[in-house]
C-alpha atoms as a PDB file:
ATOM      1  CA  UNK A   1      84.466  -9.083 -73.723  1.00  0.00           C
ATOM      2  CA  UNK A   2      82.228 -10.667 -71.373  1.00  0.00           C
ATOM      3  CA  UNK A   3      83.539  -9.002 -68.230  1.00  0.00           C
ATOM      4  CA  UNK A   4      83.111  -5.445 -69.581  1.00  0.00           C
ATOM      5  CA  UNK A   5      80.002  -3.423 -69.347  1.00  0.00           C
ATOM      6  CA  UNK A   6      76.733  -5.880 -69.890  1.00  0.00           C
ATOM      7  CA  UNK A   7      74.252  -5.323 -72.570  1.00  0.00           C
ATOM      8  CA  UNK A   8      71.639  -3.949 -69.942  1.00  0.00           C
ATOM      9  CA  UNK A   9      73.998  -2.311 -67.495  1.00  0.00           C
ATOM     10  CA  UNK A  10      71.212  -1.085 -65.298  1.00  0.00           C
ATOM     11  CA  UNK A  11      69.529  -4.280 -65.147  1.00  0.00           C
ATOM     12  CA  UNK A  12      72.257  -7.170 -64.651  1.00  0.00           C
ATOM     13  CA  UNK A  13      75.930  -7.559 -65.137  1.00  0.00           C
ATOM     14  CA  UNK A  14      78.598  -8.930 -62.603  1.00  0.00           C
ATOM     15  CA  UNK A  15      75.945  -8.507 -60.006  1.00  0.00           C
ATOM     16  CA  UNK A  16      76.195  -9.697 -56.400  1.00  0.00           C
ATOM     17  CA  UNK A  17      75.912 -13.121 -57.061  1.00  0.00           C
ATOM     18  CA  UNK A  18      78.442 -13.114 -59.671  1.00  0.00           C
ATOM     19  CA  UNK A  19      76.137 -13.359 -62.756  1.00  0.00           C
ATOM     20  CA  UNK A  20      77.917 -11.634 -65.643  1.00  0.00           C
ATOM     21  CA  UNK A  21      74.942 -12.090 -68.034  1.00  0.00           C
ATOM     22  CA  UNK A  22      71.894 -13.916 -68.261  1.00  0.00           C
ATOM     23  CA  UNK A  23      68.977 -14.448 -71.174  1.00  0.00           C
ATOM     24  CA  UNK A  24      65.835 -15.941 -71.432  1.00  0.00           C
ATOM     25  CA  UNK A  25      64.769 -17.553 -74.691  1.00  0.00           C
ATOM     26  CA  UNK A  26      60.982 -18.119 -75.477  1.00  0.00           C
ATOM     27  CA  UNK A  27      59.708 -19.794 -78.297  1.00  0.00           C
ATOM     28  CA  UNK A  28      59.389 -17.783 -81.624  1.00  0.00           C
ATOM     29  CA  UNK A  29      60.673 -14.546 -79.207  1.00  0.00           C
ATOM     30  CA  UNK A  30      63.974 -12.921 -79.073  1.00  0.00           C
ATOM     31  CA  UNK A  31      66.258 -13.380 -76.444  1.00  0.00           C
ATOM     32  CA  UNK A  32      65.355 -11.416 -73.320  1.00  0.00           C
ATOM     33  CA  UNK A  33      68.170 -10.087 -70.661  1.00  0.00           C
ATOM     34  CA  UNK A  34      67.497 -11.681 -67.004  1.00  0.00           C
ATOM     35  CA  UNK A  35      68.937 -10.944 -63.900  1.00  0.00           C
ATOM     36  CA  UNK A  36      69.837 -13.286 -60.865  1.00  0.00           C
ATOM     37  CA  UNK A  37      66.881 -12.586 -58.855  1.00  0.00           C
ATOM     38  CA  UNK A  38      64.553 -13.079 -62.083  1.00  0.00           C
ATOM     39  CA  UNK A  39      66.395 -16.350 -63.233  1.00  0.00           C
ATOM     40  CA  UNK A  40      66.260 -17.670 -59.359  1.00  0.00           C
ATOM     41  CA  UNK A  41      62.273 -16.980 -59.734  1.00  0.00           C
ATOM     42  CA  UNK A  42      61.821 -18.735 -63.385  1.00  0.00           C
ATOM     43  CA  UNK A  43      63.985 -21.637 -61.969  1.00  0.00           C
ATOM     44  CA  UNK A  44      61.736 -21.831 -59.091  1.00  0.00           C
ATOM     45  CA  UNK A  45      58.356 -21.892 -61.033  1.00  0.00           C
ATOM     46  CA  UNK A  46      56.847 -24.658 -63.225  1.00  0.00           C
ATOM     47  CA  UNK A  47      57.272 -22.881 -66.556  1.00  0.00           C
ATOM     48  CA  UNK A  48      57.662 -25.355 -69.515  1.00  0.00           C
ATOM     49  CA  UNK A  49      58.482 -23.002 -72.366  1.00  0.00           C
ATOM     50  CA  UNK A  50      61.889 -21.881 -73.256  1.00  0.00           C
ATOM     51  CA  UNK A  51      65.069 -22.045 -71.381  1.00  0.00           C
ATOM     52  CA  UNK A  52      67.663 -19.667 -69.546  1.00  0.00           C
ATOM     53  CA  UNK A  53      71.392 -19.501 -70.164  1.00  0.00           C
ATOM     54  CA  UNK A  54      73.511 -17.796 -67.222  1.00  0.00           C
ATOM     55  CA  UNK A  55      76.977 -17.006 -67.358  1.00  0.00           C
ATOM     56  CA  UNK A  56      78.907 -16.588 -64.125  1.00  0.00           C
ATOM     57  CA  UNK A  57      82.097 -15.494 -63.247  1.00  0.00           C
ATOM     58  CA  UNK A  58      83.680 -18.086 -60.675  1.00  0.00           C
ATOM     59  CA  UNK A  59      85.966 -15.379 -59.220  1.00  0.00           C
ATOM     60  CA  UNK A  60      83.171 -13.925 -57.330  1.00  0.00           C
ATOM     61  CA  UNK A  61      82.574 -15.654 -53.824  1.00  0.00           C
ATOM     62  CA  UNK A  62      78.981 -15.689 -54.491  1.00  0.00           C
ATOM     63  CA  UNK A  63      78.619 -17.639 -57.543  1.00  0.00           C
ATOM     64  CA  UNK A  64      79.102 -21.123 -56.733  1.00  0.00           C
ATOM     65  CA  UNK A  65      76.713 -20.747 -53.639  1.00  0.00           C
ATOM     66  CA  UNK A  66      74.022 -19.140 -55.897  1.00  0.00           C
ATOM     67  CA  UNK A  67      74.412 -22.041 -58.286  1.00  0.00           C
ATOM     68  CA  UNK A  68      74.098 -24.632 -55.593  1.00  0.00           C
ATOM     69  CA  UNK A  69      70.871 -23.092 -54.328  1.00  0.00           C
ATOM     70  CA  UNK A  70      68.903 -22.400 -57.257  1.00  0.00           C
ATOM     71  CA  UNK A  71      70.386 -24.208 -60.743  1.00  0.00           C
ATOM     72  CA  UNK A  72      69.499 -27.800 -59.530  1.00  0.00           C
ATOM     73  CA  UNK A  73      72.504 -29.078 -61.451  1.00  0.00           C
ATOM     74  CA  UNK A  74      74.011 -32.613 -60.507  1.00  0.00           C
ATOM     75  CA  UNK A  75      76.895 -32.693 -57.958  1.00  0.00           C
ATOM     76  CA  UNK A  76      79.287 -33.669 -60.559  1.00  0.00           C
ATOM     77  CA  UNK A  77      79.159 -30.402 -62.148  1.00  0.00           C
ATOM     78  CA  UNK A  78      80.521 -28.605 -59.005  1.00  0.00           C
ATOM     79  CA  UNK A  79      82.904 -31.257 -58.707  1.00  0.00           C
ATOM     80  CA  UNK A  80      84.220 -30.545 -62.091  1.00  0.00           C
ATOM     81  CA  UNK A  81      84.691 -26.867 -61.178  1.00  0.00           C
ATOM     82  CA  UNK A  82      87.390 -28.007 -58.667  1.00  0.00           C
ATOM     83  CA  UNK A  83      89.017 -30.752 -60.508  1.00  0.00           C
ATOM     84  CA  UNK A  84      92.437 -30.122 -61.915  1.00  0.00           C
ATOM     85  CA  UNK A  85      91.974 -32.077 -64.990  1.00  0.00           C
ATOM     86  CA  UNK A  86      90.711 -29.513 -67.276  1.00  0.00           C
ATOM     87  CA  UNK A  87      90.915 -31.190 -70.821  1.00  0.00           C
ATOM     88  CA  UNK A  88      87.810 -30.770 -73.017  1.00  0.00           C
ATOM     89  CA  UNK A  89      85.248 -33.266 -72.305  1.00  0.00           C
ATOM     90  CA  UNK A  90      81.515 -33.715 -72.738  1.00  0.00           C
ATOM     91  CA  UNK A  91      79.814 -36.133 -70.311  1.00  0.00           C
ATOM     92  CA  UNK A  92      76.286 -37.128 -69.398  1.00  0.00           C
ATOM     93  CA  UNK A  93      75.267 -37.261 -65.609  1.00  0.00           C
ATOM     94  CA  UNK A  94      71.435 -38.479 -65.607  1.00  0.00           C
ATOM     95  CA  UNK A  95      69.386 -36.095 -67.313  1.00  0.00           C
ATOM     96  CA  UNK A  96      72.141 -33.335 -67.481  1.00  0.00           C
ATOM     97  CA  UNK A  97      74.954 -32.681 -69.893  1.00  0.00           C
ATOM     98  CA  UNK A  98      78.533 -31.641 -68.044  1.00  0.00           C
ATOM     99  CA  UNK A  99      80.985 -29.860 -70.299  1.00  0.00           C
ATOM    100  CA  UNK A 100      84.808 -28.681 -69.968  1.00  0.00           C
ATOM    101  CA  UNK A 101      85.949 -26.694 -72.856  1.00  0.00           C
ATOM    102  CA  UNK A 102      88.916 -24.669 -73.198  1.00  0.00           C
ATOM    103  CA  UNK A 103      89.157 -21.195 -75.023  1.00  0.00           C
ATOM    104  CA  UNK A 104      91.642 -18.528 -75.421  1.00  0.00           C
ATOM    105  CA  UNK A 105      91.386 -15.311 -73.063  1.00  0.00           C
ATOM    106  CA  UNK A 106      89.656 -12.243 -74.692  1.00  0.00           C
ATOM    107  CA  UNK A 107      92.961 -10.450 -74.875  1.00  0.00           C
ATOM    108  CA  UNK A 108      95.000 -13.469 -76.388  1.00  0.00           C
ATOM    109  CA  UNK A 109      98.857 -12.874 -77.299  1.00  0.00           C
ATOM    110  CA  UNK A 110      99.583 -16.369 -78.479  1.00  0.00           C
ATOM    111  CA  UNK A 111     101.103 -17.295 -74.949  1.00  0.00           C
ATOM    112  CA  UNK A 112     100.244 -20.887 -73.456  1.00  0.00           C
ATOM    113  CA  UNK A 113      99.470 -19.013 -70.382  1.00  0.00           C
ATOM    114  CA  UNK A 114      96.348 -17.314 -71.994  1.00  0.00           C
ATOM    115  CA  UNK A 115      94.195 -20.445 -72.225  1.00  0.00           C
ATOM    116  CA  UNK A 116      91.330 -20.685 -69.824  1.00  0.00           C
ATOM    117  CA  UNK A 117      88.489 -22.791 -68.945  1.00  0.00           C
ATOM    118  CA  UNK A 118      84.733 -22.697 -69.385  1.00  0.00           C
ATOM    119  CA  UNK A 119      82.461 -25.054 -67.350  1.00  0.00           C
ATOM    120  CA  UNK A 120      79.015 -25.900 -68.601  1.00  0.00           C
ATOM    121  CA  UNK A 121      76.079 -27.410 -67.149  1.00  0.00           C
ATOM    122  CA  UNK A 122      72.805 -28.026 -69.392  1.00  0.00           C
ATOM    123  CA  UNK A 123      69.695 -29.598 -68.727  1.00  0.00           C
ATOM    124  CA  UNK A 124      66.310 -29.106 -70.648  1.00  0.00           C
ATOM    125  CA  UNK A 125      65.335 -25.733 -69.225  1.00  0.00           C
ATOM    126  CA  UNK A 126      69.126 -24.252 -68.361  1.00  0.00           C
ATOM    127  CA  UNK A 127      72.419 -23.589 -69.571  1.00  0.00           C
ATOM    128  CA  UNK A 128      74.825 -22.526 -66.940  1.00  0.00           C
ATOM    129  CA  UNK A 129      78.412 -21.366 -68.332  1.00  0.00           C
ATOM    130  CA  UNK A 130      81.008 -20.284 -65.477  1.00  0.00           C
ATOM    131  CA  UNK A 131      84.682 -19.266 -66.016  1.00  0.00           C
ATOM    132  CA  UNK A 132      87.377 -17.317 -64.297  1.00  0.00           C
ATOM    133  CA  UNK A 133      88.796 -15.465 -67.010  1.00  0.00           C
ATOM    134  CA  UNK A 134      87.016 -13.417 -69.944  1.00  0.00           C
ATOM    135  CA  UNK A 135      86.938 -15.647 -72.746  1.00  0.00           C
ATOM    136  CA  UNK A 136      86.250 -15.148 -76.531  1.00  0.00           C
ATOM    137  CA  UNK A 137      83.636 -17.423 -77.283  1.00  0.00           C
ATOM    138  CA  UNK A 138      81.374 -16.220 -74.639  1.00  0.00           C
ATOM    139  CA  UNK A 139      81.939 -12.679 -76.570  1.00  0.00           C
ATOM    140  CA  UNK A 140      80.905 -14.024 -79.415  1.00  0.00           C
ATOM    141  CA  UNK A 141      77.858 -15.911 -78.140  1.00  0.00           C
ATOM    142  CA  UNK A 142      76.759 -12.653 -76.698  1.00  0.00           C
ATOM    143  CA  UNK A 143      77.204 -10.922 -79.908  1.00  0.00           C
ATOM    144  CA  UNK A 144      75.373 -13.181 -81.817  1.00  0.00           C
ATOM    145  CA  UNK A 145      72.426 -12.987 -79.223  1.00  0.00           C
ATOM    146  CA  UNK A 146      72.485  -9.173 -79.645  1.00  0.00           C
ATOM    147  CA  UNK A 147      71.984  -9.661 -83.312  1.00  0.00           C
ATOM    148  CA  UNK A 148      69.017 -11.855 -82.830  1.00  0.00           C
ATOM    149  CA  UNK A 149      70.487 -15.476 -83.466  1.00  0.00           C
ATOM    150  CA  UNK A 150      67.806 -17.854 -82.966  1.00  0.00           C
ATOM    151  CA  UNK A 151      68.568 -20.595 -80.535  1.00  0.00           C
ATOM    152  CA  UNK A 152      65.664 -23.148 -80.078  1.00  0.00           C
ATOM    153  CA  UNK A 153      67.081 -25.368 -77.243  1.00  0.00           C
ATOM    154  CA  UNK A 154      69.680 -25.668 -74.557  1.00  0.00           C
ATOM    155  CA  UNK A 155      71.331 -28.306 -76.800  1.00  0.00           C
ATOM    156  CA  UNK A 156      71.834 -25.981 -79.761  1.00  0.00           C
ATOM    157  CA  UNK A 157      73.282 -23.211 -77.510  1.00  0.00           C
ATOM    158  CA  UNK A 158      75.960 -26.166 -76.199  1.00  0.00           C
ATOM    159  CA  UNK A 159      76.565 -26.646 -79.945  1.00  0.00           C
ATOM    160  CA  UNK A 160      76.901 -23.053 -80.759  1.00  0.00           C
ATOM    161  CA  UNK A 161      79.699 -22.814 -77.933  1.00  0.00           C
ATOM    162  CA  UNK A 162      81.528 -25.851 -79.303  1.00  0.00           C
ATOM    163  CA  UNK A 163      81.202 -24.409 -82.676  1.00  0.00           C
ATOM    164  CA  UNK A 164      82.588 -20.967 -81.358  1.00  0.00           C
ATOM    165  CA  UNK A 165      85.740 -22.565 -79.600  1.00  0.00           C
ATOM    166  CA  UNK A 166      86.639 -24.803 -82.940  1.00  0.00           C
ATOM    167  CA  UNK A 167      86.107 -21.307 -84.932  1.00  0.00           C
ATOM    168  CA  UNK A 168      88.434 -19.391 -82.316  1.00  0.00           C
ATOM    169  CA  UNK A 169      90.771 -22.520 -82.515  1.00  0.00           C
ATOM    170  CA  UNK A 170      91.031 -22.000 -86.205  1.00  0.00           C
ATOM    171  CA  UNK A 171      91.965 -18.257 -85.900  1.00  0.00           C
ATOM    172  CA  UNK A 172      94.680 -19.285 -83.410  1.00  0.00           C
ATOM    173  CA  UNK A 173      96.088 -21.922 -85.930  1.00  0.00           C
ATOM    174  CA  UNK A 174      95.890 -18.999 -88.820  1.00  0.00           C
ATOM    175  CA  UNK A 175      97.921 -16.666 -86.432  1.00  0.00           C
ATOM    176  CA  UNK A 176     100.177 -19.308 -85.517  1.00  0.00           C
ATOM    177  CA  UNK A 177     100.742 -20.202 -89.020  1.00  0.00           C
ATOM    178  CA  UNK A 178     101.306 -16.375 -90.014  1.00  0.00           C
ATOM    179  CA  UNK A 179     104.195 -16.193 -87.249  1.00  0.00           C
ATOM    180  CA  UNK A 180     105.837 -19.350 -88.341  1.00  0.00           C
ATOM    181  CA  UNK A 181     106.021 -17.762 -91.937  1.00  0.00           C
ATOM    182  CA  UNK A 182     107.567 -14.705 -90.677  1.00  0.00           C
ATOM    183  CA  UNK A 183     109.939 -16.731 -88.948  1.00  0.00           C
ATOM    184  CA  UNK A 184     110.572 -18.904 -92.122  1.00  0.00           C
ATOM    185  CA  UNK A 185     111.263 -15.630 -94.242  1.00  0.00           C
ATOM    186  CA  UNK A 186     113.767 -14.479 -91.633  1.00  0.00           C
ATOM    187  CA  UNK A 187     115.519 -17.762 -91.829  1.00  0.00           C
ATOM    188  CA  UNK A 188     115.729 -17.715 -95.557  1.00  0.00           C
ATOM    189  CA  UNK A 189     116.805 -14.221 -95.525  1.00  0.00           C
ATOM    190  CA  UNK A 190     119.702 -15.372 -92.718  1.00  0.00           C
ATOM    191  CA  UNK A 191     118.482 -13.247 -90.081  1.00  0.00           C
ATOM    192  CA  UNK A 192     118.255 -15.848 -86.824  1.00  0.00           C
ATOM    193  CA  UNK A 193     118.023 -13.582 -83.821  1.00  0.00           C
ATOM    194  CA  UNK A 194     115.532 -14.795 -81.182  1.00  0.00           C
ATOM    195  CA  UNK A 195     113.823 -16.960 -83.885  1.00  0.00           C
ATOM    196  CA  UNK A 196     114.483 -20.026 -81.898  1.00  0.00           C
ATOM    197  CA  UNK A 197     112.811 -18.365 -78.737  1.00  0.00           C
ATOM    198  CA  UNK A 198     109.861 -17.544 -80.700  1.00  0.00           C
ATOM    199  CA  UNK A 199     109.223 -20.803 -82.371  1.00  0.00           C
ATOM    200  CA  UNK A 200     109.792 -22.451 -78.874  1.00  0.00           C
ATOM    201  CA  UNK A 201     106.788 -20.290 -77.585  1.00  0.00           C
ATOM    202  CA  UNK A 202     104.386 -21.263 -80.505  1.00  0.00           C
ATOM    203  CA  UNK A 203     105.084 -25.122 -80.200  1.00  0.00           C
ATOM    204  CA  UNK A 204     104.374 -24.687 -76.251  1.00  0.00           C
ATOM    205  CA  UNK A 205     101.108 -23.087 -77.264  1.00  0.00           C
ATOM    206  CA  UNK A 206     100.133 -25.448 -79.859  1.00  0.00           C
ATOM    207  CA  UNK A 207     101.136 -28.609 -77.652  1.00  0.00           C
ATOM    208  CA  UNK A 208      98.970 -27.111 -74.803  1.00  0.00           C
ATOM    209  CA  UNK A 209      96.060 -26.405 -76.691  1.00  0.00           C
ATOM    210  CA  UNK A 210      96.051 -30.083 -78.396  1.00  0.00           C
ATOM    211  CA  UNK A 211      96.303 -31.519 -74.999  1.00  0.00           C
ATOM    212  CA  UNK A 212      93.437 -29.455 -73.703  1.00  0.00           C
ATOM    213  CA  UNK A 213      91.065 -28.980 -76.712  1.00  0.00           C
ATOM    214  CA  UNK A 214      91.212 -32.838 -77.813  1.00  0.00           C
ATOM    215  CA  UNK A 215      88.000 -34.173 -76.706  1.00  0.00           C
ATOM    216  CA  UNK A 216      87.849 -37.509 -74.850  1.00  0.00           C
ATOM    217  CA  UNK A 217      86.527 -39.987 -77.376  1.00  0.00           C
ATOM    218  CA  UNK A 218      85.109 -42.580 -75.036  1.00  0.00           C
ATOM    219  CA  UNK A 219      83.017 -40.011 -72.986  1.00  0.00           C
ATOM    220  CA  UNK A 220      81.765 -38.419 -76.184  1.00  0.00           C
ATOM    221  CA  UNK A 221      81.010 -41.693 -77.920  1.00  0.00           C
ATOM    222  CA  UNK A 222      78.976 -42.623 -74.701  1.00  0.00           C
ATOM    223  CA  UNK A 223      77.248 -39.438 -75.038  1.00  0.00           C
ATOM    224  CA  UNK A 224      75.911 -39.690 -78.588  1.00  0.00           C
ATOM    225  CA  UNK A 225      75.047 -43.199 -78.088  1.00  0.00           C
ATOM    226  CA  UNK A 226      72.831 -42.741 -75.242  1.00  0.00           C
ATOM    227  CA  UNK A 227      71.632 -39.201 -75.162  1.00  0.00           C
ATOM    228  CA  UNK A 228      69.403 -37.689 -72.339  1.00  0.00           C
ATOM    229  CA  UNK A 229      65.904 -38.116 -72.978  1.00  0.00           C
ATOM    230  CA  UNK A 230      64.930 -34.407 -73.952  1.00  0.00           C
ATOM    231  CA  UNK A 231      67.482 -34.271 -76.644  1.00  0.00           C
ATOM    232  CA  UNK A 232      66.025 -35.100 -80.175  1.00  0.00           C
ATOM    233  CA  UNK A 233      68.029 -36.550 -83.090  1.00  0.00           C
ATOM    234  CA  UNK A 234      68.820 -33.264 -84.640  1.00  0.00           C
ATOM    235  CA  UNK A 235      70.338 -32.231 -81.624  1.00  0.00           C
ATOM    236  CA  UNK A 236      72.429 -35.348 -81.627  1.00  0.00           C
ATOM    237  CA  UNK A 237      73.385 -34.695 -84.975  1.00  0.00           C
ATOM    238  CA  UNK A 238      74.348 -31.300 -84.669  1.00  0.00           C
ATOM    239  CA  UNK A 239      76.294 -32.057 -81.566  1.00  0.00           C
ATOM    240  CA  UNK A 240      78.373 -34.927 -83.490  1.00  0.00           C
ATOM    241  CA  UNK A 241      78.961 -32.233 -85.969  1.00  0.00           C
ATOM    242  CA  UNK A 242      80.048 -29.583 -83.752  1.00  0.00           C
ATOM    243  CA  UNK A 243      82.684 -31.895 -82.219  1.00  0.00           C
ATOM    244  CA  UNK A 244      83.996 -33.315 -85.409  1.00  0.00           C
ATOM    245  CA  UNK A 245      85.273 -29.750 -86.417  1.00  0.00           C
ATOM    246  CA  UNK A 246      87.558 -30.238 -83.765  1.00  0.00           C
ATOM    247  CA  UNK A 247      89.353 -33.150 -85.267  1.00  0.00           C
ATOM    248  CA  UNK A 248      90.214 -30.965 -88.486  1.00  0.00           C
ATOM    249  CA  UNK A 249      91.574 -28.066 -86.292  1.00  0.00           C
ATOM    250  CA  UNK A 250      93.534 -30.460 -84.261  1.00  0.00           C
ATOM    251  CA  UNK A 251      95.133 -31.989 -87.278  1.00  0.00           C
ATOM    252  CA  UNK A 252      96.089 -28.663 -88.386  1.00  0.00           C
ATOM    253  CA  UNK A 253      97.820 -27.987 -85.143  1.00  0.00           C
ATOM    254  CA  UNK A 254      99.542 -31.272 -85.473  1.00  0.00           C
ATOM    255  CA  UNK A 255     100.939 -30.543 -88.656  1.00  0.00           C
ATOM    256  CA  UNK A 256     101.873 -26.967 -87.356  1.00  0.00           C
ATOM    257  CA  UNK A 257     104.056 -28.902 -84.767  1.00  0.00           C
ATOM    258  CA  UNK A 258     105.688 -30.974 -87.093  1.00  0.00           C
ATOM    259  CA  UNK A 259     106.289 -27.576 -89.285  1.00  0.00           C
ATOM    260  CA  UNK A 260     107.954 -25.936 -86.310  1.00  0.00           C
ATOM    261  CA  UNK A 261     109.819 -28.951 -85.362  1.00  0.00           C
ATOM    262  CA  UNK A 262     111.670 -28.725 -88.701  1.00  0.00           C
ATOM    263  CA  UNK A 263     112.366 -25.142 -88.513  1.00  0.00           C
ATOM    264  CA  UNK A 264     113.771 -25.656 -85.233  1.00  0.00           C
ATOM    265  CA  UNK A 265     116.014 -28.365 -86.469  1.00  0.00           C
ATOM    266  CA  UNK A 266     117.067 -26.072 -89.522  1.00  0.00           C
ATOM    267  CA  UNK A 267     117.873 -23.416 -87.296  1.00  0.00           C
ATOM    268  CA  UNK A 268     119.850 -25.253 -84.898  1.00  0.00           C
ATOM    269  CA  UNK A 269     121.512 -26.880 -88.113  1.00  0.00           C
ATOM    270  CA  UNK A 270     122.507 -23.136 -89.176  1.00  0.00           C
ATOM    271  CA  UNK A 271     123.839 -22.199 -85.718  1.00  0.00           C
ATOM    272  CA  UNK A 272     125.816 -25.358 -85.544  1.00  0.00           C
ATOM    273  CA  UNK A 273     127.374 -24.421 -88.922  1.00  0.00           C
ATOM    274  CA  UNK A 274     128.117 -20.526 -87.574  1.00  0.00           C
ATOM    275  CA  UNK A 275     129.682 -21.988 -84.396  1.00  0.00           C
ATOM    276  CA  UNK A 276     131.920 -24.911 -86.382  1.00  0.00           C
ATOM    277  CA  UNK A 277     133.145 -21.821 -88.824  1.00  0.00           C
ATOM    278  CA  UNK A 278     134.040 -19.700 -85.551  1.00  0.00           C
ATOM    279  CA  UNK A 279     135.608 -22.570 -84.059  1.00  0.00           C
ATOM    280  CA  UNK A 280     137.624 -23.244 -87.349  1.00  0.00           C
ATOM    281  CA  UNK A 281     138.549 -19.726 -87.341  1.00  0.00           C
ATOM    282  CA  UNK A 282     139.866 -19.734 -83.703  1.00  0.00           C
ATOM    283  CA  UNK A 283     141.739 -22.794 -84.548  1.00  0.00           C
ATOM    284  CA  UNK A 284     143.342 -21.720 -87.541  1.00  0.00           C
ATOM    285  CA  UNK A 285     144.579 -18.500 -85.516  1.00  0.00           C
ATOM    286  CA  UNK A 286     145.928 -20.941 -82.856  1.00  0.00           C
ATOM    287  CA  UNK A 287     147.792 -22.844 -85.414  1.00  0.00           C
ATOM    288  CA  UNK A 288     149.403 -20.150 -87.277  1.00  0.00           C
ATOM    289  CA  UNK A 289     150.574 -18.672 -84.006  1.00  0.00           C
ATOM    290  CA  UNK A 290     151.998 -21.894 -82.644  1.00  0.00           C
ATOM    291  CA  UNK A 291     155.437 -21.668 -84.582  1.00  0.00           C
ATOM    292  CA  UNK A 292     156.236 -18.054 -83.576  1.00  0.00           C
ATOM    293  CA  UNK A 293     155.367 -18.874 -80.027  1.00  0.00           C
ATOM    294  CA  UNK A 294     157.473 -21.882 -79.766  1.00  0.00           C
ATOM    295  CA  UNK A 295     160.642 -20.270 -81.244  1.00  0.00           C
ATOM    296  CA  UNK A 296     160.092 -17.123 -79.240  1.00  0.00           C
ATOM    297  CA  UNK A 297     159.858 -19.332 -76.258  1.00  0.00           C
ATOM    298  CA  UNK A 298     162.999 -21.214 -77.132  1.00  0.00           C
ATOM    299  CA  UNK A 299     165.233 -17.951 -78.535  1.00  0.00           C
ATOM    300  CA  UNK A 300     163.809 -16.166 -75.204  1.00  0.00           C
ATOM    301  CA  UNK A 301     165.481 -18.571 -72.867  1.00  0.00           C
ATOM    302  CA  UNK A 302     168.265 -16.888 -71.260  1.00  0.00           C
ATOM    303  CA  UNK A 303     170.985 -19.647 -71.337  1.00  0.00           C
ATOM    304  CA  UNK A 304     173.953 -20.244 -73.278  1.00  0.00           C
ATOM    305  CA  UNK A 305     174.377 -21.811 -76.828  1.00  0.00           C
ATOM    306  CA  UNK A 306     171.322 -19.947 -78.171  1.00  0.00           C
ATOM    307  CA  UNK A 307     171.618 -20.582 -82.109  1.00  0.00           C
ATOM    308  CA  UNK A 308     172.483 -17.613 -84.406  1.00  0.00           C
ATOM    309  CA  UNK A 309     173.214 -15.099 -81.261  1.00  0.00           C
ATOM    310  CA  UNK A 310     176.515 -14.151 -83.267  1.00  0.00           C
ATOM    311  CA  UNK A 311     175.238 -14.280 -86.763  1.00  0.00           C
ATOM    312  CA  UNK A 312     174.361 -10.708 -88.109  1.00  0.00           C
ATOM    313  CA  UNK A 313     171.501 -12.465 -90.089  1.00  0.00           C
ATOM    314  CA  UNK A 314     170.051 -14.394 -87.449  1.00  0.00           C
ATOM    315  CA  UNK A 315     166.878 -12.349 -87.255  1.00  0.00           C
ATOM    316  CA  UNK A 316     165.865 -12.621 -90.686  1.00  0.00           C
ATOM    317  CA  UNK A 317     166.756 -16.397 -90.539  1.00  0.00           C
ATOM    318  CA  UNK A 318     164.342 -16.543 -87.592  1.00  0.00           C
ATOM    319  CA  UNK A 319     161.766 -14.920 -89.237  1.00  0.00           C
ATOM    320  CA  UNK A 320     161.997 -17.016 -92.433  1.00  0.00           C
ATOM    321  CA  UNK A 321     161.665 -20.012 -90.461  1.00  0.00           C
ATOM    322  CA  UNK A 322     158.643 -18.823 -88.701  1.00  0.00           C
ATOM    323  CA  UNK A 323     157.070 -17.910 -92.123  1.00  0.00           C
ATOM    324  CA  UNK A 324     157.915 -21.345 -93.377  1.00  0.00           C
ATOM    325  CA  UNK A 325     156.616 -23.123 -90.269  1.00  0.00           C
ATOM    326  CA  UNK A 326     153.470 -20.905 -90.292  1.00  0.00           C
ATOM    327  CA  UNK A 327     152.784 -21.533 -94.120  1.00  0.00           C
ATOM    328  CA  UNK A 328     153.028 -25.200 -93.977  1.00  0.00           C
ATOM    329  CA  UNK A 329     150.776 -25.146 -90.647  1.00  0.00           C
ATOM    330  CA  UNK A 330     148.285 -23.015 -92.401  1.00  0.00           C
ATOM    331  CA  UNK A 331     148.486 -25.265 -95.469  1.00  0.00           C
ATOM    332  CA  UNK A 332     147.928 -28.398 -93.033  1.00  0.00           C
ATOM    333  CA  UNK A 333     144.829 -26.697 -91.368  1.00  0.00           C
ATOM    334  CA  UNK A 334     143.156 -25.551 -94.353  1.00  0.00           C
ATOM    335  CA  UNK A 335     143.846 -29.028 -96.231  1.00  0.00           C
ATOM    336  CA  UNK A 336     141.937 -30.893 -93.400  1.00  0.00           C
ATOM    337  CA  UNK A 337     138.991 -28.473 -93.452  1.00  0.00           C
ATOM    338  CA  UNK A 338     138.709 -28.795 -97.080  1.00  0.00           C
ATOM    339  CA  UNK A 339     138.778 -32.563 -96.662  1.00  0.00           C
ATOM    340  CA  UNK A 340     135.647 -32.208 -94.477  1.00  0.00           C
END
C-alpha cells in the first residue's frame, strides 16, 4: 500500500515533510522518482517540460506546511483539506483544478468506516495528492508507473486516478454482490442466523459510497464547459469519459441497494412467520391448559358443597369433563388458525 516501503527507500518515502512518493515525468522518458527537496527545487525553477506528481500523508505535521511553501496551489485547495464536506467533486479555481475523491482503504473489509478521502490539486506542471489513510487507487497508480505507464500530462494523471477509483468501485460492487448471493442462498436454504445484520452492514456501505462518490454535476458541468487554458480538447474528452464511468457503477450500486432492501423484507417476513408460529403454539398450550386449571381451582376450594365429593367415580367423571373441554378448546383454536 502507499504507506509501505517506497519504490526507492534510500531516496524518498514518508520523509520529514510527509512525502510518501514523488515522480517527475519528462517527455518521452520514464518517470523518475523525486524527493521533497528535489521537488522544491524543480518547482522553484523555470522548467517548461514535464510535470511532477507528489503524494503526501496529511497525518504528518509537516506535509501541509511544505505544500503551502512550495506547491503554489490556490488557497481553496487548503480550505478543502479542512472542509467536512467530502463528497466527490471536481472544480476549477483560476488556472488550477481542485478535486475531492473518495476511495476505499487498502485493507478494505467491506465496512462503511473503511472509506477515506483523497484530495487532489492540479495545474499545468504539478499534481498533488494528499490523504490520511492508505488508498487502493494510489497503490494502483504507483504500480502502473513502476510498469512504465505513459502519462503525458497532469490532466491524464487526474483522469487515471478517476478511472482507478471507478475500477475500485466496481470491485466493491462485485464483492457486495457476492456476499448478497451468499445471504440469498442461505435464505433459500432456511438459514437466517445473523443474515439481517450482514445485509444491514452492506446496505450502509452502499449508501455511504453512493453519497460520497456521486460527483456534483453542476461543478463538473462548469469545468467541462470552461476548462483551464492549459487543458487540450483531448484532455477534456477523456475527463468526461472518466466521470461518466461513475454513473454506471452508481447505477449498479442503486440496484444492489434495492436488492438488499427486498432481501431484508423477505427475511423480516420469514422471521415474523416464525414468531407467529411460536405465538400460536404458546396460545394453543395456554388454551388447552385452561379447562383443567379452572376445574382444579374450583374443586380445590376448601368449602362445602363440592360436587362429586362423595361419588366413587367422581375423579373419572372430572377427567372426562376436562378432556371434553380440552378437546373443544383445541378444536376451536385450530379451526381459527386454519381459517387464517
